[in-house]
Amino acid sequence: MSYTCSIDDLFYLCTICLLCQCVTPKSLTLCKEIGDVWGEADSLSGLGIVYQTIGDFSQADRNFQDALELYRSLGDLTGQVKNLVNLALLYRDMGNLSRARVNLEQALNLNKSTGRVNDTVSALNILALIHQSLGNPQTALDCLNNALEIAQNFGYHHAKAHTWGNLGQLYQRLGRLGEAQYSHGQALVLHQQGKDKLGEMASFLNLGCISRLMDSLQEANNYHQNSLNIACLMENKEGKAYNLANLALVFRDMGDLSTALEYHEKALFLAREIQHPEAVWEIHAGRSDTYRRQGNVSNALADLKKAITIIEGVRRRLFQETERLSFFGEGKGHIYARLIMMLHEELQENTDALDYVERSRSRAFLDVLETRGLILPEGGEGEPLRFQELVGLLE
């Protein structure tokens, strides 16, 4: 497991935040008093981004929704697209992937009328990330290839760099490390040419992930330290969290478990602070393996249980059954297997193990196995799944 960083959503928010620094509640009140509806909508949208940045997601949601309604009343398609993308980014951060997908698809449809090609590229990149989180890699790849073709045809330098980076992230998830390394290398060159420090930070981070997976641990450490330095200079908490999480894995693979645990803890603190559920469960799962290598089975078990709780919380918000199925296909079902086998083999706590089997029957195992045409054995009528049947399935 490694923690890749997509920069398209980071870039979008950081760019817009520069435009929102002058937006205050007073400007919103003034626009209302003088009847400036466009100004009111722009102020609501800007304040929504400010609230999202400081972690007040509920207020951000209300502001974006209010702004969207005003833009609709004005017939302003560009404003509608902007706020649909804002809402998609917000819902993605909150772990509400279905709502994020719906908003982005609406934005793409509206953008056909506005003709703003750069917005289309950004929306396709973010939509690809959501499909990746949902476990739809081919759909994500189609979105990114479409975005890259548009960016190259229209000469959008920054958009091309961002898309190369997101392609690298997807190729890594697919295990195509050579293509991932090439894509991130292309992104890094373009970001450095454009003096885009945020993009450079993400490219160094992602190249560090690839280097670790290729067992080039010192090279991975160097990449992550470069990325972390940029994140600290920019005071970018998400960049710091991802780099600290990956450095934990690097030190773990080097055999320095105590240093790895220190980095896990720092990364987890930041991931919770920025309220990024996917990062939080991944860090818990990664730290579980570090604890296990250290021989601390109880802490390893606790981390896996926390990871499962977060995963199930995200899954409950998905609208479509197809999304609920594919969501567990994206590397999450194995968390259940790790927990159950740990309970059985290392702790001999078969009652708890069977509880998690039953808990998972309508989640990871049932979802994933049904997509492969398999059915869990039921045992006798009203009888719970027997443990030897479970072990056979896991093997």
Protein backbone atom coordinates (compact mmCIF):
# COMPACT_ATOMS: atom_id res chain seq x y z
CA MET A 1 0.00 0.00 0.00
CA SER A 2 1.18 3.51 -0.76
CA TYR A 3 -0.51 6.88 -0.70
CA THR A 4 -0.53 8.69 -4.02
CA CYS A 5 -1.43 12.33 -4.35
CA SER A 6 -3.62 13.77 -7.05
CA ILE A 7 -2.98 17.43 -7.66
CA ASP A 8 -5.96 18.33 -9.80
CA ASP A 9 -8.26 18.96 -6.84
CA LEU A 10 -5.44 20.56 -4.85
CA PHE A 11 -4.57 22.83 -7.77
CA TYR A 12 -8.20 23.80 -8.32
CA LEU A 13 -8.80 24.76 -4.70
CA CYS A 14 -5.47 26.53 -4.20
CA THR A 15 -5.96 28.58 -7.36
CA ILE A 16 -9.49 29.58 -6.42
CA CYS A 17 -8.49 30.35 -2.83
CA LEU A 18 -6.16 33.06 -4.09
CA LEU A 19 -9.22 34.70 -5.61
CA CYS A 20 -11.23 34.27 -2.41
CA GLN A 21 -8.89 35.91 0.08
CA CYS A 22 -10.79 39.20 -0.22
CA VAL A 23 -14.20 37.54 0.24
CA THR A 24 -15.73 38.13 3.68
CA PRO A 25 -19.21 37.82 5.19
CA LYS A 26 -19.37 41.63 4.99
CA SER A 27 -19.02 41.54 1.20
CA LEU A 28 -21.89 39.04 1.06
CA THR A 29 -24.08 41.30 3.23
CA LEU A 30 -23.24 44.34 1.11
CA CYS A 31 -24.16 42.53 -2.13
CA LYS A 32 -27.52 41.54 -0.63
CA GLU A 33 -28.21 45.12 0.52
CA ILE A 34 -27.57 46.66 -2.90
CA GLY A 35 -29.34 43.86 -4.80
CA ASP A 36 -26.22 42.60 -6.59
CA VAL A 37 -27.30 38.99 -7.18
CA TRP A 38 -24.19 38.06 -9.18
CA GLY A 39 -22.01 39.51 -6.44
CA GLU A 40 -24.01 37.60 -3.84
CA ALA A 41 -23.54 34.33 -5.74
CA ASP A 42 -19.81 34.95 -6.20
CA SER A 43 -19.43 35.80 -2.50
CA LEU A 44 -21.27 32.66 -1.42
CA SER A 45 -19.09 30.55 -3.70
CA GLY A 46 -15.88 32.16 -2.47
CA LEU A 47 -16.87 31.82 1.17
CA GLY A 48 -17.73 28.16 0.54
CA ILE A 49 -14.15 27.53 -0.58
CA VAL A 50 -12.82 29.37 2.47
CA TYR A 51 -15.00 27.26 4.80
CA GLN A 52 -13.94 24.06 3.02
CA THR A 53 -10.29 25.01 3.39
CA ILE A 54 -10.64 25.50 7.16
CA GLY A 55 -12.61 22.24 7.52
CA ASP A 56 -16.16 23.58 8.08
CA PHE A 57 -17.72 21.26 5.50
CA SER A 58 -21.35 21.80 6.55
CA GLN A 59 -21.14 25.56 6.08
CA ALA A 60 -19.23 25.10 2.82
CA ASP A 61 -21.99 22.81 1.53
CA ARG A 62 -24.69 25.36 2.39
CA ASN A 63 -22.77 28.18 0.70
CA PHE A 64 -22.12 26.21 -2.49
CA GLN A 65 -25.76 25.09 -2.69
CA ASP A 66 -27.04 28.65 -2.18
CA ALA A 67 -24.63 29.97 -4.80
CA LEU A 68 -25.68 27.25 -7.24
CA GLU A 69 -29.35 28.20 -6.87
CA LEU A 70 -28.56 31.87 -7.53
CA TYR A 71 -26.50 31.05 -10.63
CA ARG A 72 -29.39 28.91 -11.89
CA SER A 73 -31.86 31.76 -11.34
CA LEU A 74 -29.52 34.03 -13.33
CA GLY A 75 -29.02 31.50 -16.12
CA ASP A 76 -25.26 31.69 -15.53
CA LEU A 77 -23.93 28.36 -16.85
CA THR A 78 -20.30 29.13 -16.02
CA GLY A 79 -21.21 29.85 -12.40
CA GLN A 80 -23.22 26.64 -12.23
CA VAL A 81 -20.30 24.59 -13.55
CA LYS A 82 -17.93 26.21 -11.06
CA ASN A 83 -20.15 25.38 -8.09
CA LEU A 84 -20.95 21.86 -9.25
CA VAL A 85 -17.20 21.21 -9.35
CA ASN A 86 -16.80 22.86 -5.93
CA LEU A 87 -19.49 20.57 -4.52
CA ALA A 88 -17.89 17.52 -6.15
CA LEU A 89 -14.54 18.29 -4.53
CA LEU A 90 -16.25 18.86 -1.19
CA TYR A 91 -18.19 15.59 -1.35
CA ARG A 92 -15.09 13.69 -2.41
CA ASP A 93 -13.21 15.00 0.64
CA MET A 94 -16.18 14.00 2.81
CA GLY A 95 -16.16 10.48 1.34
CA ASN A 96 -19.51 10.94 -0.41
CA LEU A 97 -18.34 9.61 -3.77
CA SER A 98 -21.76 9.11 -5.36
CA ARG A 99 -22.76 12.74 -4.88
CA ALA A 100 -19.36 13.85 -6.14
CA ARG A 101 -19.77 11.79 -9.31
CA VAL A 102 -23.29 13.10 -9.97
CA ASN A 103 -22.19 16.73 -9.59
CA LEU A 104 -19.23 16.30 -11.92
CA GLU A 105 -21.33 14.63 -14.59
CA GLN A 106 -23.78 17.54 -14.39
CA ALA A 107 -20.87 19.98 -14.69
CA LEU A 108 -19.53 18.21 -17.79
CA ASN A 109 -22.96 18.28 -19.46
CA LEU A 110 -23.38 21.99 -18.76
CA ASN A 111 -19.86 22.73 -19.89
CA LYS A 112 -20.71 21.51 -23.39
CA SER A 113 -22.82 24.66 -23.69
CA THR A 114 -20.23 27.06 -22.25
CA GLY A 115 -17.34 25.86 -24.42
CA ARG A 116 -14.82 26.38 -21.58
CA VAL A 117 -12.42 23.60 -22.55
CA ASN A 118 -10.07 24.01 -19.59
CA ASP A 119 -12.98 23.45 -17.19
CA THR A 120 -13.79 20.25 -19.08
CA VAL A 121 -10.23 18.98 -18.60
CA SER A 122 -10.33 19.74 -14.86
CA ALA A 123 -13.73 18.06 -14.43
CA LEU A 124 -12.57 14.96 -16.34
CA ASN A 125 -9.49 14.70 -14.12
CA ILE A 126 -11.51 14.92 -10.92
CA LEU A 127 -14.14 12.51 -12.27
CA ALA A 128 -11.34 10.04 -13.02
CA LEU A 129 -10.17 10.22 -9.40
CA ILE A 130 -13.67 9.48 -8.16
CA HIS A 131 -14.07 6.50 -10.49
CA GLN A 132 -10.69 5.28 -9.28
CA SER A 133 -11.87 5.47 -5.66
CA LEU A 134 -15.05 3.64 -6.68
CA GLY A 135 -12.99 0.83 -8.22
CA ASN A 136 -13.68 1.65 -11.89
CA PRO A 137 -10.13 1.86 -13.30
CA GLN A 138 -11.07 1.57 -16.98
CA THR A 139 -13.61 4.40 -16.71
CA ALA A 140 -10.99 6.47 -14.89
CA LEU A 141 -8.43 5.73 -17.62
CA ASP A 142 -10.91 6.74 -20.34
CA CYS A 143 -11.55 10.06 -18.55
CA LEU A 144 -7.83 10.80 -18.25
CA ASN A 145 -6.96 9.87 -21.83
CA ASN A 146 -9.79 12.12 -23.00
CA ALA A 147 -8.52 14.95 -20.78
CA LEU A 148 -4.93 14.51 -21.99
CA GLU A 149 -5.98 14.60 -25.65
CA ILE A 150 -7.95 17.82 -25.11
CA ALA A 151 -5.12 19.45 -23.13
CA GLN A 152 -2.55 18.57 -25.82
CA ASN A 153 -4.77 19.74 -28.69
CA PHE A 154 -5.46 23.11 -27.07
CA GLY A 155 -1.97 23.62 -25.63
CA TYR A 156 -3.02 23.76 -21.97
CA HIS A 157 0.38 23.34 -20.30
CA HIS A 158 -0.77 23.10 -16.68
CA ALA A 159 -3.74 20.87 -17.49
CA LYS A 160 -1.47 18.52 -19.44
CA ALA A 161 0.92 18.28 -16.49
CA HIS A 162 -1.90 17.55 -14.04
CA THR A 163 -3.34 14.87 -16.30
CA TRP A 164 0.03 13.13 -16.70
CA GLY A 165 0.28 13.04 -12.91
CA ASN A 166 -3.16 11.54 -12.49
CA LEU A 167 -2.41 8.97 -15.20
CA GLY A 168 0.68 7.98 -13.24
CA GLN A 169 -1.41 7.54 -10.12
CA LEU A 170 -3.87 5.30 -11.95
CA TYR A 171 -1.14 3.21 -13.60
CA GLN A 172 0.38 2.65 -10.17
CA ARG A 173 -2.95 1.35 -8.83
CA LEU A 174 -3.09 -1.00 -11.82
CA GLY A 175 0.43 -2.28 -11.09
CA ARG A 176 1.85 -0.83 -14.31
CA LEU A 177 4.85 0.72 -12.58
CA GLY A 178 6.91 1.49 -15.67
CA GLU A 179 4.08 3.50 -17.20
CA ALA A 180 3.43 5.15 -13.84
CA GLN A 181 7.06 6.22 -13.50
CA TYR A 182 7.10 7.60 -17.06
CA SER A 183 3.84 9.54 -16.50
CA HIS A 184 5.04 11.11 -13.25
CA GLY A 185 8.35 11.98 -14.90
CA GLN A 186 6.48 13.79 -17.68
CA ALA A 187 4.40 15.63 -15.10
CA LEU A 188 7.46 16.69 -13.09
CA VAL A 189 9.21 18.19 -16.13
CA LEU A 190 6.10 20.16 -17.10
CA HIS A 191 5.52 21.41 -13.55
CA GLN A 192 9.13 22.54 -13.22
CA GLN A 193 8.98 24.30 -16.59
CA GLY A 194 5.82 26.09 -15.48
CA LYS A 195 7.28 26.89 -12.02
CA ASP A 196 4.29 25.12 -10.46
CA LYS A 197 5.49 24.25 -6.94
CA LEU A 198 2.27 22.48 -6.00
CA GLY A 199 2.57 20.23 -9.03
CA GLU A 200 6.25 19.66 -8.34
CA MET A 201 5.37 18.61 -4.79
CA ALA A 202 2.85 16.04 -6.05
CA SER A 203 5.22 14.67 -8.71
CA PHE A 204 8.06 14.15 -6.22
CA LEU A 205 5.61 12.42 -3.87
CA ASN A 206 4.31 10.09 -6.56
CA LEU A 207 7.79 9.26 -7.86
CA GLY A 208 8.69 8.38 -4.27
CA CYS A 209 5.78 5.92 -4.16
CA ILE A 210 6.94 4.26 -7.37
CA SER A 211 10.55 4.05 -6.18
CA ARG A 212 9.50 2.31 -2.97
CA LEU A 213 7.43 -0.22 -4.89
CA MET A 214 10.50 -0.85 -7.07
CA ASP A 215 12.58 -1.40 -3.88
CA SER A 216 14.68 1.74 -4.43
CA LEU A 217 14.18 2.84 -0.84
CA GLN A 218 16.84 5.54 -0.58
CA GLU A 219 15.63 7.10 -3.82
CA ALA A 220 12.08 6.97 -2.46
CA ASN A 221 13.20 8.68 0.74
CA ASN A 222 14.88 11.47 -1.26
CA TYR A 223 11.79 12.08 -3.40
CA HIS A 224 9.50 12.23 -0.36
CA GLN A 225 11.82 14.56 1.53
CA ASN A 226 11.88 16.93 -1.47
CA SER A 227 8.10 16.82 -1.67
CA LEU A 228 7.69 17.28 2.09
CA ASN A 229 9.96 20.35 2.04
CA ILE A 230 7.76 21.98 -0.59
CA ALA A 231 4.58 21.05 1.31
CA CYS A 232 5.97 22.63 4.48
CA LEU A 233 6.97 25.82 2.64
CA MET A 234 3.48 26.06 1.15
CA GLU A 235 1.83 25.06 4.46
CA ASN A 236 -0.06 22.39 2.52
CA LYS A 237 -1.45 19.95 5.10
CA GLU A 238 -2.62 17.38 2.56
CA GLY A 239 0.81 17.23 0.94
CA LYS A 240 2.44 16.88 4.35
CA ALA A 241 0.04 14.09 5.37
CA TYR A 242 0.65 12.04 2.21
CA ASN A 243 4.42 12.41 2.41
CA LEU A 244 4.57 11.50 6.09
CA ALA A 245 2.39 8.44 5.42
CA ASN A 246 4.66 7.29 2.61
CA LEU A 247 7.85 7.96 4.58
CA ALA A 248 6.40 5.67 7.26
CA LEU A 249 6.22 2.90 4.66
CA VAL A 250 9.76 3.61 3.46
CA PHE A 251 11.21 3.37 6.97
CA ARG A 252 9.13 0.27 7.65
CA ASP A 253 10.57 -1.41 4.55
CA MET A 254 14.06 -0.34 5.70
CA GLY A 255 13.37 -2.16 8.97
CA ASP A 256 13.26 0.99 11.14
CA LEU A 257 9.88 0.29 12.73
CA SER A 258 10.06 2.87 15.53
CA THR A 259 10.67 5.71 13.06
CA ALA A 260 7.93 4.31 10.82
CA LEU A 261 5.43 4.46 13.69
CA GLU A 262 6.39 8.08 14.43
CA TYR A 263 5.63 9.01 10.81
CA HIS A 264 2.37 7.02 10.83
CA GLU A 265 1.20 8.98 13.88
CA LYS A 266 2.08 12.37 12.38
CA ALA A 267 0.36 11.47 9.11
CA LEU A 268 -2.76 10.23 10.89
CA PHE A 269 -3.03 13.44 12.91
CA LEU A 270 -2.95 15.56 9.74
CA ALA A 271 -5.31 13.27 7.79
CA ARG A 272 -7.88 13.57 10.58
CA GLU A 273 -7.39 17.32 10.72
CA ILE A 274 -8.15 17.72 7.01
CA GLN A 275 -11.03 15.21 7.34
CA HIS A 276 -9.92 12.95 4.49
CA PRO A 277 -11.52 9.52 5.24
CA GLU A 278 -9.75 7.57 2.50
CA ALA A 279 -6.35 8.73 3.71
CA VAL A 280 -7.29 7.94 7.33
CA TRP A 281 -8.32 4.33 6.67
CA GLU A 282 -5.27 3.71 4.47
CA ILE A 283 -2.93 5.04 7.18
CA HIS A 284 -4.62 2.84 9.80
CA ALA A 285 -4.21 -0.18 7.51
CA GLY A 286 -0.56 0.65 6.82
CA ARG A 287 0.22 1.18 10.49
CA SER A 288 -1.44 -2.14 11.28
CA ASP A 289 1.18 -3.93 9.20
CA THR A 290 3.97 -2.01 10.95
CA TYR A 291 2.60 -3.02 14.36
CA ARG A 292 2.33 -6.61 13.19
CA ARG A 293 5.97 -6.67 12.09
CA GLN A 294 6.84 -5.27 15.51
CA GLY A 295 4.92 -8.10 17.16
CA ASN A 296 2.23 -5.82 18.59
CA VAL A 297 -0.80 -7.81 17.44
CA SER A 298 -3.35 -6.00 19.63
CA ASN A 299 -2.50 -2.59 18.12
CA ALA A 300 -2.41 -4.10 14.63
CA LEU A 301 -5.88 -5.49 15.21
CA ALA A 302 -7.22 -2.18 16.54
CA ASP A 303 -5.98 -0.33 13.44
CA LEU A 304 -7.64 -2.79 11.07
CA LYS A 305 -10.93 -2.46 12.94
CA LYS A 306 -10.74 1.33 12.68
CA ALA A 307 -10.00 1.07 8.95
CA ILE A 308 -13.06 -1.14 8.41
CA THR A 309 -15.30 1.24 10.36
CA ILE A 310 -14.25 4.14 8.11
CA ILE A 311 -14.61 2.09 4.91
CA GLU A 312 -18.13 1.04 5.85
CA GLY A 313 -19.03 4.63 6.69
CA VAL A 314 -18.01 5.74 3.19
CA ARG A 315 -19.79 2.80 1.54
CA ARG A 316 -23.10 3.60 3.24
CA ARG A 317 -23.19 6.91 1.36
CA LEU A 318 -22.96 5.32 -2.10
CA PHE A 319 -26.16 5.51 -4.14
CA GLN A 320 -25.92 2.72 -6.70
CA GLU A 321 -25.40 -1.00 -6.10
CA THR A 322 -22.83 -1.05 -8.91
CA GLU A 323 -20.84 1.57 -7.00
CA ARG A 324 -21.15 -0.41 -3.78
CA LEU A 325 -19.83 -3.48 -5.58
CA SER A 326 -16.90 -1.78 -7.29
CA PHE A 327 -16.00 0.20 -4.16
CA PHE A 328 -14.83 -2.95 -2.37
CA GLY A 329 -13.06 -4.13 -5.49
CA GLU A 330 -10.62 -1.22 -5.08
CA GLY A 331 -8.31 -2.93 -2.57
CA LYS A 332 -10.66 -2.75 0.41
CA GLY A 333 -11.96 -6.31 0.67
CA HIS A 334 -8.54 -7.60 1.71
CA ILE A 335 -8.75 -5.52 4.91
CA TYR A 336 -11.52 -7.85 6.12
CA ALA A 337 -9.45 -10.90 5.19
CA ARG A 338 -6.41 -9.59 7.08
CA LEU A 339 -8.48 -8.88 10.18
CA ILE A 340 -10.30 -12.23 10.17
CA MET A 341 -7.15 -14.27 9.65
CA MET A 342 -5.36 -12.32 12.39
CA LEU A 343 -8.20 -13.04 14.81
CA HIS A 344 -8.15 -16.73 13.87
CA GLU A 345 -4.48 -17.56 13.39
CA GLU A 346 -2.72 -15.24 15.83
CA LEU A 347 -5.27 -14.63 18.58
CA GLN A 348 -7.50 -17.73 18.27
CA GLU A 349 -10.50 -15.44 18.76
CA ASN A 350 -12.80 -17.39 16.46
CA THR A 351 -16.00 -15.89 17.85
CA ASP A 352 -14.88 -12.38 16.91
CA ALA A 353 -13.58 -13.69 13.59
CA LEU A 354 -16.97 -15.17 12.75
CA ASP A 355 -18.67 -11.94 13.81
CA TYR A 356 -16.60 -10.10 11.20
CA VAL A 357 -17.40 -12.78 8.63
CA GLU A 358 -21.12 -12.25 9.18
CA ARG A 359 -20.59 -8.48 9.20
CA SER A 360 -18.78 -8.70 5.89
CA ARG A 361 -21.26 -11.00 4.15
CA SER A 362 -23.30 -8.09 2.86
CA ARG A 363 -20.18 -6.02 2.31
CA ALA A 364 -16.72 -6.98 1.10
CA PHE A 365 -16.95 -10.74 0.54
CA LEU A 366 -20.50 -10.92 -0.77
CA ASP A 367 -20.02 -7.90 -3.04
CA VAL A 368 -16.71 -9.00 -4.51
CA LEU A 369 -17.47 -12.72 -4.76
CA GLU A 370 -20.84 -12.13 -6.43
CA THR A 371 -19.16 -10.09 -9.15
CA ARG A 372 -17.01 -13.18 -9.81
CA GLY A 373 -20.01 -15.52 -9.89
CA LEU A 374 -19.25 -17.06 -6.49
CA ILE A 375 -21.58 -17.59 -3.53
CA LEU A 376 -20.66 -17.89 0.13
CA PRO A 377 -21.68 -21.28 1.62
CA GLU A 378 -24.49 -20.96 4.14
CA GLY A 379 -24.05 -24.13 6.21
CA GLY A 380 -27.24 -25.64 7.61
CA GLU A 381 -30.52 -23.80 7.86
CA GLY A 382 -30.06 -20.86 10.23
CA GLU A 383 -26.49 -21.98 10.89
CA PRO A 384 -23.66 -19.41 10.65
CA LEU A 385 -20.80 -19.88 8.23
CA ARG A 386 -18.40 -22.52 9.59
CA PHE A 387 -14.84 -21.43 10.06
CA GLN A 388 -13.28 -24.12 7.87
CA GLU A 389 -15.47 -22.84 5.03
CA LEU A 390 -14.18 -19.34 5.67
CA VAL A 391 -10.56 -20.50 5.60
CA GLY A 392 -11.21 -22.28 2.33
CA LEU A 393 -12.58 -19.09 0.82
CA LEU A 394 -9.67 -16.97 2.02
CA GLU A 395 -7.13 -19.44 0.68
